[in-house]
PDB file of all heavy atoms in Angstrom:
ATOM      1  N   HIS A   1      47.781  11.118  71.120  1.00  0.00           N
ATOM      2  CA  HIS A   1      46.480  10.746  71.658  1.00  0.00           C
ATOM      3  C   HIS A   1      45.958  11.880  72.536  1.00  0.00           C
ATOM      4  O   HIS A   1      46.710  12.746  72.990  1.00  0.00           O
ATOM      5  CB  HIS A   1      46.571   9.460  72.490  1.00  0.00           C
ATOM      6  CG  HIS A   1      47.124   8.284  71.741  1.00  0.00           C
ATOM      7  ND1 HIS A   1      46.366   7.521  70.880  1.00  0.00           N
ATOM      8  CD2 HIS A   1      48.383   7.744  71.718  1.00  0.00           C
ATOM      9  CE1 HIS A   1      47.116   6.554  70.366  1.00  0.00           C
ATOM     10  NE2 HIS A   1      48.344   6.665  70.861  1.00  0.00           N
ATOM     11  N   PHE A   2      44.650  11.842  72.796  1.00  0.00           N
ATOM     12  CA  PHE A   2      44.069  12.747  73.767  1.00  0.00           C
ATOM     13  C   PHE A   2      44.658  12.455  75.140  1.00  0.00           C
ATOM     14  O   PHE A   2      44.810  11.301  75.535  1.00  0.00           O
ATOM     15  CB  PHE A   2      42.545  12.571  73.831  1.00  0.00           C
ATOM     16  CG  PHE A   2      41.811  13.303  72.751  1.00  0.00           C
ATOM     17  CD1 PHE A   2      41.100  12.608  71.805  1.00  0.00           C
ATOM     18  CD2 PHE A   2      41.829  14.688  72.697  1.00  0.00           C
ATOM     19  CE1 PHE A   2      40.413  13.275  70.805  1.00  0.00           C
ATOM     20  CE2 PHE A   2      41.143  15.359  71.703  1.00  0.00           C
ATOM     21  CZ  PHE A   2      40.438  14.655  70.754  1.00  0.00           C
ATOM     22  N   ASP A   3      44.958  13.488  75.868  1.00  0.00           N
ATOM     23  CA  ASP A   3      45.428  13.335  77.239  1.00  0.00           C
ATOM     24  C   ASP A   3      44.300  13.664  78.232  1.00  0.00           C
ATOM     25  O   ASP A   3      43.875  12.810  78.993  1.00  0.00           O
ATOM     26  CB  ASP A   3      46.636  14.238  77.483  1.00  0.00           C
ATOM     27  CG  ASP A   3      47.202  14.049  78.877  1.00  0.00           C
ATOM     28  OD1 ASP A   3      47.034  12.953  79.442  1.00  0.00           O
ATOM     29  OD2 ASP A   3      47.799  15.002  79.413  1.00  0.00           O
ATOM     30  N   LYS A   4      43.826  14.910  78.175  1.00  0.00           N
ATOM     31  CA  LYS A   4      42.724  15.331  79.029  1.00  0.00           C
ATOM     32  C   LYS A   4      41.804  16.270  78.257  1.00  0.00           C
ATOM     33  O   LYS A   4      42.240  17.080  77.454  1.00  0.00           O
ATOM     34  CB  LYS A   4      43.236  16.036  80.288  1.00  0.00           C
ATOM     35  CG  LYS A   4      43.869  15.110  81.305  1.00  0.00           C
ATOM     36  CD  LYS A   4      44.197  15.850  82.602  1.00  0.00           C
ATOM     37  CE  LYS A   4      44.789  14.886  83.627  1.00  0.00           C
ATOM     38  NZ  LYS A   4      45.104  15.596  84.913  1.00  0.00           N
ATOM     39  N   PHE A   5      40.519  16.136  78.551  1.00  0.00           N
ATOM     40  CA  PHE A   5      39.509  17.006  77.958  1.00  0.00           C
ATOM     41  C   PHE A   5      38.476  17.270  79.046  1.00  0.00           C
ATOM     42  O   PHE A   5      37.754  16.360  79.457  1.00  0.00           O
ATOM     43  CB  PHE A   5      38.884  16.329  76.732  1.00  0.00           C
ATOM     44  CG  PHE A   5      37.916  17.190  75.994  1.00  0.00           C
ATOM     45  CD1 PHE A   5      38.185  18.531  75.761  1.00  0.00           C
ATOM     46  CD2 PHE A   5      36.725  16.661  75.525  1.00  0.00           C
ATOM     47  CE1 PHE A   5      37.288  19.327  75.078  1.00  0.00           C
ATOM     48  CE2 PHE A   5      35.822  17.448  74.828  1.00  0.00           C
ATOM     49  CZ  PHE A   5      36.108  18.781  74.602  1.00  0.00           C
ATOM     50  N   GLU A   6      38.415  18.522  79.542  1.00  0.00           N
ATOM     51  CA  GLU A   6      37.583  18.851  80.701  1.00  0.00           C
ATOM     52  C   GLU A   6      36.702  20.057  80.397  1.00  0.00           C
ATOM     53  O   GLU A   6      36.859  21.136  80.979  1.00  0.00           O
ATOM     54  CB  GLU A   6      38.463  19.141  81.922  1.00  0.00           C
ATOM     55  CG  GLU A   6      39.365  17.977  82.312  1.00  0.00           C
ATOM     56  CD  GLU A   6      40.340  18.353  83.408  1.00  0.00           C
ATOM     57  OE1 GLU A   6      40.489  19.562  83.693  1.00  0.00           O
ATOM     58  OE2 GLU A   6      40.954  17.438  83.994  1.00  0.00           O
ATOM     59  N   PRO A   7      35.740  19.920  79.497  1.00  0.00           N
ATOM     60  CA  PRO A   7      34.892  21.073  79.166  1.00  0.00           C
ATOM     61  C   PRO A   7      33.789  21.280  80.212  1.00  0.00           C
ATOM     62  O   PRO A   7      33.296  20.341  80.832  1.00  0.00           O
ATOM     63  CB  PRO A   7      34.291  20.676  77.816  1.00  0.00           C
ATOM     64  CG  PRO A   7      34.217  19.173  77.887  1.00  0.00           C
ATOM     65  CD  PRO A   7      35.415  18.740  78.687  1.00  0.00           C
ATOM     66  N   ARG A   8      33.420  22.546  80.386  1.00  0.00           N
ATOM     67  CA  ARG A   8      32.287  22.920  81.242  1.00  0.00           C
ATOM     68  C   ARG A   8      31.499  24.009  80.515  1.00  0.00           C
ATOM     69  O   ARG A   8      32.086  24.852  79.849  1.00  0.00           O
ATOM     70  CB  ARG A   8      32.741  23.453  82.600  1.00  0.00           C
ATOM     71  CG  ARG A   8      33.644  22.546  83.370  1.00  0.00           C
ATOM     72  CD  ARG A   8      33.747  22.990  84.841  1.00  0.00           C
ATOM     73  NE  ARG A   8      34.141  24.374  84.982  1.00  0.00           N
ATOM     74  CZ  ARG A   8      35.402  24.781  85.101  1.00  0.00           C
ATOM     75  NH1 ARG A   8      36.388  23.899  85.021  1.00  0.00           N
ATOM     76  NH2 ARG A   8      35.689  26.062  85.254  1.00  0.00           N
ATOM     77  N   PHE A   9      30.197  23.970  80.675  1.00  0.00           N
ATOM     78  CA  PHE A   9      29.413  25.079  80.144  1.00  0.00           C
ATOM     79  C   PHE A   9      28.130  25.222  80.955  1.00  0.00           C
ATOM     80  O   PHE A   9      27.621  24.265  81.552  1.00  0.00           O
ATOM     81  CB  PHE A   9      29.104  24.902  78.648  1.00  0.00           C
ATOM     82  CG  PHE A   9      28.100  23.831  78.335  1.00  0.00           C
ATOM     83  CD1 PHE A   9      26.736  24.100  78.310  1.00  0.00           C
ATOM     84  CD2 PHE A   9      28.520  22.538  78.041  1.00  0.00           C
ATOM     85  CE1 PHE A   9      25.820  23.120  78.014  1.00  0.00           C
ATOM     86  CE2 PHE A   9      27.606  21.542  77.740  1.00  0.00           C
ATOM     87  CZ  PHE A   9      26.251  21.843  77.727  1.00  0.00           C
ATOM     88  N   THR A  10      27.638  26.441  81.004  1.00  0.00           N
ATOM     89  CA  THR A  10      26.371  26.760  81.660  1.00  0.00           C
ATOM     90  C   THR A  10      25.494  27.517  80.677  1.00  0.00           C
ATOM     91  O   THR A  10      25.992  28.293  79.841  1.00  0.00           O
ATOM     92  CB  THR A  10      26.580  27.616  82.925  1.00  0.00           C
ATOM     93  OG1 THR A  10      27.230  28.846  82.572  1.00  0.00           O
ATOM     94  CG2 THR A  10      27.424  26.874  83.949  1.00  0.00           C
ATOM     95  N   PHE A  11      24.221  27.289  80.774  1.00  0.00           N
ATOM     96  CA  PHE A  11      23.248  27.957  79.914  1.00  0.00           C
ATOM     97  C   PHE A  11      22.029  28.266  80.763  1.00  0.00           C
ATOM     98  O   PHE A  11      21.510  27.379  81.460  1.00  0.00           O
ATOM     99  CB  PHE A  11      22.890  27.078  78.717  1.00  0.00           C
ATOM    100  CG  PHE A  11      21.930  27.725  77.754  1.00  0.00           C
ATOM    101  CD1 PHE A  11      22.164  29.005  77.270  1.00  0.00           C
ATOM    102  CD2 PHE A  11      20.798  27.059  77.331  1.00  0.00           C
ATOM    103  CE1 PHE A  11      21.284  29.601  76.379  1.00  0.00           C
ATOM    104  CE2 PHE A  11      19.923  27.636  76.443  1.00  0.00           C
ATOM    105  CZ  PHE A  11      20.160  28.919  75.963  1.00  0.00           C
ATOM    106  N   SER A  12      21.574  29.496  80.744  1.00  0.00           N
ATOM    107  CA  SER A  12      20.435  29.897  81.574  1.00  0.00           C
ATOM    108  C   SER A  12      19.648  30.973  80.861  1.00  0.00           C
ATOM    109  O   SER A  12      20.137  31.621  79.928  1.00  0.00           O
ATOM    110  CB  SER A  12      20.909  30.411  82.938  1.00  0.00           C
ATOM    111  OG  SER A  12      21.707  31.581  82.795  1.00  0.00           O
ATOM    112  N   GLY A  13      18.423  31.182  81.323  1.00  0.00           N
ATOM    113  CA  GLY A  13      17.576  32.203  80.724  1.00  0.00           C
ATOM    114  C   GLY A  13      16.128  32.006  81.104  1.00  0.00           C
ATOM    115  O   GLY A  13      15.783  31.182  81.962  1.00  0.00           O
ATOM    116  N   PRO A  14      15.244  32.755  80.458  1.00  0.00           N
ATOM    117  CA  PRO A  14      13.819  32.661  80.793  1.00  0.00           C
ATOM    118  C   PRO A  14      13.100  31.581  79.983  1.00  0.00           C
ATOM    119  O   PRO A  14      13.424  31.333  78.820  1.00  0.00           O
ATOM    120  CB  PRO A  14      13.300  34.053  80.427  1.00  0.00           C
ATOM    121  CG  PRO A  14      14.182  34.472  79.278  1.00  0.00           C
ATOM    122  CD  PRO A  14      15.527  33.863  79.531  1.00  0.00           C
ATOM    123  N   VAL A  15      12.158  30.925  80.625  1.00  0.00           N
ATOM    124  CA  VAL A  15      11.191  30.090  79.914  1.00  0.00           C
ATOM    125  C   VAL A  15       9.958  30.925  79.589  1.00  0.00           C
ATOM    126  O   VAL A  15       9.475  30.949  78.464  1.00  0.00           O
ATOM    127  CB  VAL A  15      10.821  28.849  80.747  1.00  0.00           C
ATOM    128  CG1 VAL A  15       9.777  28.003  80.029  1.00  0.00           C
ATOM    129  CG2 VAL A  15      12.053  28.014  81.046  1.00  0.00           C
ATOM    130  N   VAL A  16       9.459  31.614  80.593  1.00  0.00           N
ATOM    131  CA  VAL A  16       8.422  32.632  80.441  1.00  0.00           C
ATOM    132  C   VAL A  16       8.915  33.859  81.192  1.00  0.00           C
ATOM    133  O   VAL A  16       9.118  33.804  82.407  1.00  0.00           O
ATOM    134  CB  VAL A  16       7.061  32.160  81.014  1.00  0.00           C
ATOM    135  CG1 VAL A  16       6.013  33.252  80.859  1.00  0.00           C
ATOM    136  CG2 VAL A  16       6.602  30.876  80.325  1.00  0.00           C
ATOM    137  N   ARG A  17       9.157  34.937  80.502  1.00  0.00           N
ATOM    138  CA  ARG A  17       9.755  36.114  81.117  1.00  0.00           C
ATOM    139  C   ARG A  17       8.959  36.585  82.323  1.00  0.00           C
ATOM    140  O   ARG A  17       7.735  36.640  82.296  1.00  0.00           O
ATOM    141  CB  ARG A  17       9.882  37.251  80.100  1.00  0.00           C
ATOM    142  CG  ARG A  17      10.941  37.004  79.042  1.00  0.00           C
ATOM    143  CD  ARG A  17      11.130  38.231  78.152  1.00  0.00           C
ATOM    144  NE  ARG A  17      12.189  37.998  77.174  1.00  0.00           N
ATOM    145  CZ  ARG A  17      13.470  38.205  77.410  1.00  0.00           C
ATOM    146  NH1 ARG A  17      13.850  38.685  78.596  1.00  0.00           N
ATOM    147  NH2 ARG A  17      14.374  37.972  76.486  1.00  0.00           N
ATOM    148  N   ASN A  18       9.740  36.895  83.382  1.00  0.00           N
ATOM    149  CA  ASN A  18       9.198  37.402  84.648  1.00  0.00           C
ATOM    150  C   ASN A  18       8.407  36.355  85.428  1.00  0.00           C
ATOM    151  O   ASN A  18       7.852  36.679  86.477  1.00  0.00           O
ATOM    152  CB  ASN A  18       8.304  38.634  84.431  1.00  0.00           C
ATOM    153  CG  ASN A  18       9.057  39.791  83.802  1.00  0.00           C
ATOM    154  OD1 ASN A  18      10.212  40.044  84.139  1.00  0.00           O
ATOM    155  ND2 ASN A  18       8.400  40.481  82.871  1.00  0.00           N
ATOM    156  N   HIS A  19       8.382  35.109  84.938  1.00  0.00           N
ATOM    157  CA  HIS A  19       7.601  34.076  85.634  1.00  0.00           C
ATOM    158  C   HIS A  19       8.373  32.772  85.826  1.00  0.00           C
ATOM    159  O   HIS A  19       8.386  32.220  86.923  1.00  0.00           O
ATOM    160  CB  HIS A  19       6.292  33.800  84.885  1.00  0.00           C
ATOM    161  CG  HIS A  19       5.333  34.941  84.886  1.00  0.00           C
ATOM    162  ND1 HIS A  19       4.588  35.299  85.990  1.00  0.00           N
ATOM    163  CD2 HIS A  19       5.007  35.828  83.908  1.00  0.00           C
ATOM    164  CE1 HIS A  19       3.837  36.347  85.708  1.00  0.00           C
ATOM    165  NE2 HIS A  19       4.068  36.691  84.447  1.00  0.00           N
ATOM    166  N   VAL A  20       9.011  32.254  84.779  1.00  0.00           N
ATOM    167  CA  VAL A  20       9.672  30.949  84.847  1.00  0.00           C
ATOM    168  C   VAL A  20      11.065  31.092  84.235  1.00  0.00           C
ATOM    169  O   VAL A  20      11.220  31.683  83.153  1.00  0.00           O
ATOM    170  CB  VAL A  20       8.879  29.852  84.106  1.00  0.00           C
ATOM    171  CG1 VAL A  20       9.553  28.504  84.263  1.00  0.00           C
ATOM    172  CG2 VAL A  20       7.438  29.790  84.625  1.00  0.00           C
ATOM    173  N   TRP A  21      12.083  30.510  84.951  1.00  0.00           N
ATOM    174  CA  TRP A  21      13.466  30.557  84.476  1.00  0.00           C
ATOM    175  C   TRP A  21      14.094  29.168  84.587  1.00  0.00           C
ATOM    176  O   TRP A  21      13.571  28.292  85.291  1.00  0.00           O
ATOM    177  CB  TRP A  21      14.297  31.539  85.308  1.00  0.00           C
ATOM    178  CG  TRP A  21      13.727  32.923  85.350  1.00  0.00           C
ATOM    179  CD1 TRP A  21      13.985  33.958  84.500  1.00  0.00           C
ATOM    180  CD2 TRP A  21      12.782  33.424  86.298  1.00  0.00           C
ATOM    181  NE1 TRP A  21      13.278  35.066  84.860  1.00  0.00           N
ATOM    182  CE2 TRP A  21      12.528  34.780  85.959  1.00  0.00           C
ATOM    183  CE3 TRP A  21      12.125  32.873  87.407  1.00  0.00           C
ATOM    184  CZ2 TRP A  21      11.650  35.577  86.677  1.00  0.00           C
ATOM    185  CZ3 TRP A  21      11.245  33.657  88.120  1.00  0.00           C
ATOM    186  CH2 TRP A  21      11.019  34.999  87.755  1.00  0.00           C
ATOM    187  N   PHE A  22      15.230  28.988  83.902  1.00  0.00           N
ATOM    188  CA  PHE A  22      15.937  27.710  83.953  1.00  0.00           C
ATOM    189  C   PHE A  22      17.431  27.973  84.062  1.00  0.00           C
ATOM    190  O   PHE A  22      17.930  29.063  83.747  1.00  0.00           O
ATOM    191  CB  PHE A  22      15.634  26.849  82.725  1.00  0.00           C
ATOM    192  CG  PHE A  22      16.365  27.288  81.478  1.00  0.00           C
ATOM    193  CD1 PHE A  22      17.582  26.713  81.122  1.00  0.00           C
ATOM    194  CD2 PHE A  22      15.841  28.282  80.665  1.00  0.00           C
ATOM    195  CE1 PHE A  22      18.261  27.120  79.985  1.00  0.00           C
ATOM    196  CE2 PHE A  22      16.513  28.695  79.528  1.00  0.00           C
ATOM    197  CZ  PHE A  22      17.729  28.114  79.184  1.00  0.00           C
ATOM    198  N   PHE A  23      18.146  26.939  84.499  1.00  0.00           N
ATOM    199  CA  PHE A  23      19.609  26.973  84.581  1.00  0.00           C
ATOM    200  C   PHE A  23      20.111  25.562  84.354  1.00  0.00           C
ATOM    201  O   PHE A  23      19.583  24.600  84.920  1.00  0.00           O
ATOM    202  CB  PHE A  23      20.066  27.473  85.956  1.00  0.00           C
ATOM    203  CG  PHE A  23      21.564  27.505  86.121  1.00  0.00           C
ATOM    204  CD1 PHE A  23      22.298  28.632  85.812  1.00  0.00           C
ATOM    205  CD2 PHE A  23      22.253  26.388  86.585  1.00  0.00           C
ATOM    206  CE1 PHE A  23      23.671  28.670  85.958  1.00  0.00           C
ATOM    207  CE2 PHE A  23      23.630  26.397  86.734  1.00  0.00           C
ATOM    208  CZ  PHE A  23      24.335  27.547  86.418  1.00  0.00           C
ATOM    209  N   ASP A  24      21.155  25.428  83.516  1.00  0.00           N
ATOM    210  CA  ASP A  24      21.733  24.115  83.234  1.00  0.00           C
ATOM    211  C   ASP A  24      23.256  24.244  83.290  1.00  0.00           C
ATOM    212  O   ASP A  24      23.839  25.063  82.560  1.00  0.00           O
ATOM    213  CB  ASP A  24      21.283  23.611  81.864  1.00  0.00           C
ATOM    214  CG  ASP A  24      21.649  22.145  81.643  1.00  0.00           C
ATOM    215  OD1 ASP A  24      21.876  21.442  82.649  1.00  0.00           O
ATOM    216  OD2 ASP A  24      21.703  21.700  80.481  1.00  0.00           O
ATOM    217  N   GLY A  25      23.887  23.455  84.152  1.00  0.00           N
ATOM    218  CA  GLY A  25      25.343  23.449  84.279  1.00  0.00           C
ATOM    219  C   GLY A  25      25.893  22.060  84.035  1.00  0.00           C
ATOM    220  O   GLY A  25      25.565  21.115  84.766  1.00  0.00           O
ATOM    221  N   VAL A  26      26.728  21.911  82.995  1.00  0.00           N
ATOM    222  CA  VAL A  26      27.271  20.613  82.589  1.00  0.00           C
ATOM    223  C   VAL A  26      28.779  20.627  82.817  1.00  0.00           C
ATOM    224  O   VAL A  26      29.461  21.618  82.520  1.00  0.00           O
ATOM    225  CB  VAL A  26      26.956  20.308  81.111  1.00  0.00           C
ATOM    226  CG1 VAL A  26      27.542  18.968  80.694  1.00  0.00           C
ATOM    227  CG2 VAL A  26      25.450  20.330  80.881  1.00  0.00           C
ATOM    228  N   ASP A  27      29.284  19.528  83.342  1.00  0.00           N
ATOM    229  CA  ASP A  27      30.708  19.378  83.636  1.00  0.00           C
ATOM    230  C   ASP A  27      31.134  17.992  83.148  1.00  0.00           C
ATOM    231  O   ASP A  27      30.569  16.982  83.582  1.00  0.00           O
ATOM    232  CB  ASP A  27      30.948  19.538  85.138  1.00  0.00           C
ATOM    233  CG  ASP A  27      32.390  19.284  85.519  1.00  0.00           C
ATOM    234  OD1 ASP A  27      33.250  19.382  84.641  1.00  0.00           O
ATOM    235  OD2 ASP A  27      32.644  18.985  86.700  1.00  0.00           O
ATOM    236  N   LEU A  28      32.117  17.925  82.248  1.00  0.00           N
ATOM    237  CA  LEU A  28      32.589  16.661  81.689  1.00  0.00           C
ATOM    238  C   LEU A  28      34.098  16.540  81.874  1.00  0.00           C
ATOM    239  O   LEU A  28      34.812  17.544  81.934  1.00  0.00           O
ATOM    240  CB  LEU A  28      32.251  16.556  80.199  1.00  0.00           C
ATOM    241  CG  LEU A  28      30.774  16.633  79.803  1.00  0.00           C
ATOM    242  CD1 LEU A  28      30.631  16.655  78.297  1.00  0.00           C
ATOM    243  CD2 LEU A  28      29.988  15.482  80.401  1.00  0.00           C
ATOM    244  N   GLU A  29      34.564  15.295  81.940  1.00  0.00           N
ATOM    245  CA  GLU A  29      36.000  15.038  82.049  1.00  0.00           C
ATOM    246  C   GLU A  29      36.328  13.732  81.332  1.00  0.00           C
ATOM    247  O   GLU A  29      35.655  12.705  81.530  1.00  0.00           O
ATOM    248  CB  GLU A  29      36.437  14.937  83.507  1.00  0.00           C
ATOM    249  CG  GLU A  29      37.915  14.599  83.675  1.00  0.00           C
ATOM    250  CD  GLU A  29      38.296  14.269  85.105  1.00  0.00           C
ATOM    251  OE1 GLU A  29      37.400  14.309  85.977  1.00  0.00           O
ATOM    252  OE2 GLU A  29      39.480  13.960  85.347  1.00  0.00           O
ATOM    253  N   TYR A  30      37.368  13.795  80.506  1.00  0.00           N
ATOM    254  CA  TYR A  30      37.904  12.597  79.860  1.00  0.00           C
ATOM    255  C   TYR A  30      39.415  12.623  80.049  1.00  0.00           C
ATOM    256  O   TYR A  30      40.086  13.577  79.656  1.00  0.00           O
ATOM    257  CB  TYR A  30      37.556  12.558  78.376  1.00  0.00           C
ATOM    258  CG  TYR A  30      38.206  11.409  77.641  1.00  0.00           C
ATOM    259  CD1 TYR A  30      37.655  10.140  77.688  1.00  0.00           C
ATOM    260  CD2 TYR A  30      39.379  11.600  76.909  1.00  0.00           C
ATOM    261  CE1 TYR A  30      38.255   9.077  77.025  1.00  0.00           C
ATOM    262  CE2 TYR A  30      39.981  10.551  76.238  1.00  0.00           C
ATOM    263  CZ  TYR A  30      39.415   9.290  76.303  1.00  0.00           C
ATOM    264  OH  TYR A  30      40.011   8.241  75.649  1.00  0.00           O
ATOM    265  N   ALA A  31      39.943  11.584  80.686  1.00  0.00           N
ATOM    266  CA  ALA A  31      41.382  11.497  80.947  1.00  0.00           C
ATOM    267  C   ALA A  31      41.871  10.125  80.516  1.00  0.00           C
ATOM    268  O   ALA A  31      41.298   9.093  80.920  1.00  0.00           O
ATOM    269  CB  ALA A  31      41.689  11.726  82.426  1.00  0.00           C
TER     270      ALA A  31
END
């Protein structure tokens, strides 16, 4: 069976270059 699953990822970049940016950080855990 699954014991632990703890993925994390971040994704960032421009929405409109030199004007608007974004950042998204996701953290999950299954135990």
